[in-house]
């Protein structure tokens, strides 16, 4: 049985798939969480006597006034490396978000899927390195004799890394395999 073929071919319109839209939302959330993590005053806290962020280290002296004494943390190489890796990952996430947003606005989405995914995977590698380096060097170099915990700033950085990884996975999925679902 022969199929009838007309001389007119259907024009294929590139629509934004939900996977890529969710990927763009993941990138935006990762960017917001990275900003929160970098600006966070609490990466490590210890019983309301010690607080460490990426920028400064503050403590209260025992049996004295309630004032906090703060020093810059940019004097040690591991804290500078952590900050540089985290900011580098955030910069790559920002570029990936801009490229993804521009590709949505221009309508040439498929050309930018792979570069956005590669950028996000590179950002994940940088941020995971910084988030593994930070607690190892902190425990090695800072001796606190009181209970201390990694606080919400450190958690925000992990959240940004997880959302970046999720966005990278979503941008790797080939929409041709899933077009029946849309």
Protein backbone atom coordinates (compact mmCIF):
# COMPACT_ATOMS: atom_id res chain seq x y z
CA UNK A 1 0.00 0.00 0.00
CA UNK A 2 1.56 3.22 -1.10
CA UNK A 3 1.30 6.31 1.00
CA UNK A 4 0.25 9.53 -0.56
CA UNK A 5 2.80 12.29 -0.22
CA UNK A 6 1.85 15.86 -0.87
CA UNK A 7 4.30 18.34 -2.23
CA UNK A 8 3.96 20.50 0.88
CA UNK A 9 6.12 19.62 3.86
CA UNK A 10 5.17 20.57 7.35
CA UNK A 11 7.22 23.32 8.89
CA UNK A 12 8.68 22.16 12.14
CA UNK A 13 8.38 24.73 14.89
CA UNK A 14 10.77 24.54 17.79
CA UNK A 15 8.78 24.82 20.97
CA UNK A 16 10.22 25.16 24.42
CA UNK A 17 9.97 21.80 26.11
CA UNK A 18 9.01 21.60 29.76
CA UNK A 19 12.33 19.88 30.49
CA UNK A 20 14.29 22.90 29.29
CA UNK A 21 11.97 25.32 31.05
CA UNK A 22 12.42 23.44 34.33
CA UNK A 23 16.17 23.38 33.61
CA UNK A 24 16.16 27.17 33.24
CA UNK A 25 14.26 27.48 36.54
CA UNK A 26 16.87 25.21 38.18
CA UNK A 27 19.65 27.44 36.88
CA UNK A 28 17.88 30.53 38.25
CA UNK A 29 17.40 28.88 41.66
CA UNK A 30 21.06 27.82 41.70
CA UNK A 31 22.09 31.39 40.96
CA UNK A 32 19.91 32.74 43.78
CA UNK A 33 21.23 30.14 46.24
CA UNK A 34 24.83 30.92 45.23
CA UNK A 35 24.28 34.61 45.91
CA UNK A 36 22.78 33.76 49.30
CA UNK A 37 25.67 31.44 50.13
CA UNK A 38 28.35 33.96 49.20
CA UNK A 39 26.67 36.72 51.19
CA UNK A 40 25.81 34.49 54.15
CA UNK A 41 27.33 35.52 57.50
CA UNK A 42 27.13 31.98 58.86
CA UNK A 43 29.02 29.11 57.28
CA UNK A 44 30.25 27.79 60.62
CA UNK A 45 28.82 28.74 64.01
CA UNK A 46 29.69 27.63 67.52
CA UNK A 47 27.38 28.16 70.51
CA UNK A 48 26.87 31.88 69.89
CA UNK A 49 30.62 32.43 70.50
CA UNK A 50 32.06 31.97 67.02
CA UNK A 51 30.89 32.66 63.48
CA UNK A 52 32.78 32.09 60.25
CA UNK A 53 31.70 33.23 56.80
CA UNK A 54 33.55 33.39 53.51
CA UNK A 55 34.55 36.98 54.28
CA UNK A 56 35.17 37.26 58.03
CA UNK A 57 35.65 35.34 61.22
CA UNK A 58 33.95 36.71 64.35
CA UNK A 59 34.09 35.60 67.99
CA UNK A 60 33.13 36.66 71.48
CA UNK A 61 35.75 36.43 74.15
CA UNK A 62 34.79 34.46 77.22
CA UNK A 63 33.92 36.41 80.39
CA UNK A 64 34.01 39.80 78.64
CA UNK A 65 31.55 42.19 77.11
CA UNK A 66 29.07 41.08 74.50
CA UNK A 67 30.91 42.67 71.61
CA UNK A 68 32.03 40.63 68.64
CA UNK A 69 35.63 40.81 67.40
CA UNK A 70 36.03 40.18 63.68
CA UNK A 71 38.94 39.54 61.31
CA UNK A 72 39.06 39.05 57.57
CA UNK A 73 39.27 35.43 56.43
CA UNK A 74 41.04 36.34 53.22
CA UNK A 75 44.41 35.85 54.87
CA UNK A 76 44.56 32.08 54.48
CA UNK A 77 45.03 30.39 51.15
CA UNK A 78 42.36 27.71 51.63
CA UNK A 79 39.66 30.30 52.35
CA UNK A 80 40.68 32.31 49.30
CA UNK A 81 40.63 29.11 47.20
CA UNK A 82 37.18 28.21 48.51
CA UNK A 83 35.86 31.67 47.71
CA UNK A 84 37.47 31.69 44.25
CA UNK A 85 36.08 28.27 43.35
CA UNK A 86 32.61 29.18 44.59
CA UNK A 87 32.60 32.55 42.80
CA UNK A 88 33.94 30.91 39.64
CA UNK A 89 31.11 28.39 39.72
CA UNK A 90 28.58 31.17 40.34
CA UNK A 91 29.97 33.16 37.41
CA UNK A 92 29.64 30.14 35.12
CA UNK A 93 26.08 29.58 36.35
CA UNK A 94 25.29 33.24 35.60
CA UNK A 95 26.67 32.88 32.06
CA UNK A 96 24.70 29.64 31.56
CA UNK A 97 21.54 31.38 32.77
CA UNK A 98 22.10 34.30 30.40
CA UNK A 99 22.77 32.00 27.44
CA UNK A 100 19.71 29.90 28.28
CA UNK A 101 17.50 32.96 28.68
CA UNK A 102 18.73 34.55 25.45
CA UNK A 103 18.21 31.29 23.55
CA UNK A 104 14.61 31.15 24.79
CA UNK A 105 14.00 34.74 23.68
CA UNK A 106 15.65 34.28 20.27
CA UNK A 107 13.99 30.98 19.48
CA UNK A 108 17.23 29.16 18.62
CA UNK A 109 17.10 26.85 21.57
CA UNK A 110 18.61 23.62 20.28
CA UNK A 111 21.93 25.23 19.40
CA UNK A 112 22.49 26.22 23.01
CA UNK A 113 21.47 23.06 24.90
CA UNK A 114 24.90 21.45 24.89
CA UNK A 115 26.94 24.59 25.80
CA UNK A 116 24.60 25.35 28.71
CA UNK A 117 24.89 21.76 29.97
CA UNK A 118 28.70 21.82 29.69
CA UNK A 119 28.88 25.14 31.55
CA UNK A 120 26.66 23.81 34.32
CA UNK A 121 28.71 20.63 34.71
CA UNK A 122 31.88 22.77 34.94
CA UNK A 123 30.21 24.91 37.62
CA UNK A 124 29.23 21.79 39.55
CA UNK A 125 32.82 20.53 39.50
CA UNK A 126 34.15 23.87 40.79
CA UNK A 127 31.54 24.14 43.52
CA UNK A 128 31.91 20.54 44.69
CA UNK A 129 35.67 21.09 44.97
CA UNK A 130 35.11 24.21 47.08
CA UNK A 131 32.50 22.51 49.27
CA UNK A 132 34.77 19.55 49.95
CA UNK A 133 37.85 21.74 50.51
CA UNK A 134 36.09 24.02 53.00
CA UNK A 135 35.23 21.55 55.83
CA UNK A 136 38.46 19.58 55.44
CA UNK A 137 40.68 22.64 55.79
CA UNK A 138 38.45 24.18 58.46
CA UNK A 139 38.67 21.12 60.70
CA UNK A 140 42.41 20.85 59.98
CA UNK A 141 43.28 24.47 60.73
CA UNK A 142 40.73 25.84 63.22
CA UNK A 143 40.69 24.26 66.65
CA UNK A 144 37.43 25.03 68.40
CA UNK A 145 37.00 23.42 71.78
CA UNK A 146 33.27 23.99 71.73
CA UNK A 147 30.53 22.41 69.65
CA UNK A 148 30.43 23.87 66.14
CA UNK A 149 28.29 23.15 63.12
CA UNK A 150 28.25 23.99 59.45
CA UNK A 151 25.36 26.37 59.13
CA UNK A 152 22.88 27.56 56.52
CA UNK A 153 25.38 29.40 54.30
CA UNK A 154 27.20 26.12 53.66
CA UNK A 155 23.84 24.44 53.04
CA UNK A 156 22.82 27.09 50.52
CA UNK A 157 26.02 26.43 48.58
CA UNK A 158 25.19 22.72 48.46
CA UNK A 159 21.67 23.56 47.33
CA UNK A 160 23.05 25.70 44.50
CA UNK A 161 25.31 22.86 43.45
CA UNK A 162 22.45 20.35 43.43
CA UNK A 163 20.20 22.66 41.39
CA UNK A 164 23.06 23.28 38.93
CA UNK A 165 23.51 19.55 38.52
CA UNK A 166 19.78 19.09 37.98
CA UNK A 167 19.74 21.84 35.37
CA UNK A 168 22.71 20.26 33.59
CA UNK A 169 20.97 16.88 33.48
CA UNK A 170 17.78 18.49 32.11
CA UNK A 171 19.75 20.30 29.40
CA UNK A 172 21.44 17.02 28.41
CA UNK A 173 18.15 15.25 27.72
CA UNK A 174 17.43 15.10 24.03
CA UNK A 175 13.99 16.55 23.27
CA UNK A 176 13.68 14.47 20.09
CA UNK A 177 13.26 11.35 22.22
CA UNK A 178 10.49 12.92 24.26
CA UNK A 179 8.49 14.87 21.69
CA UNK A 180 5.61 12.37 21.90
CA UNK A 181 5.05 13.51 25.48
CA UNK A 182 4.66 17.17 24.57
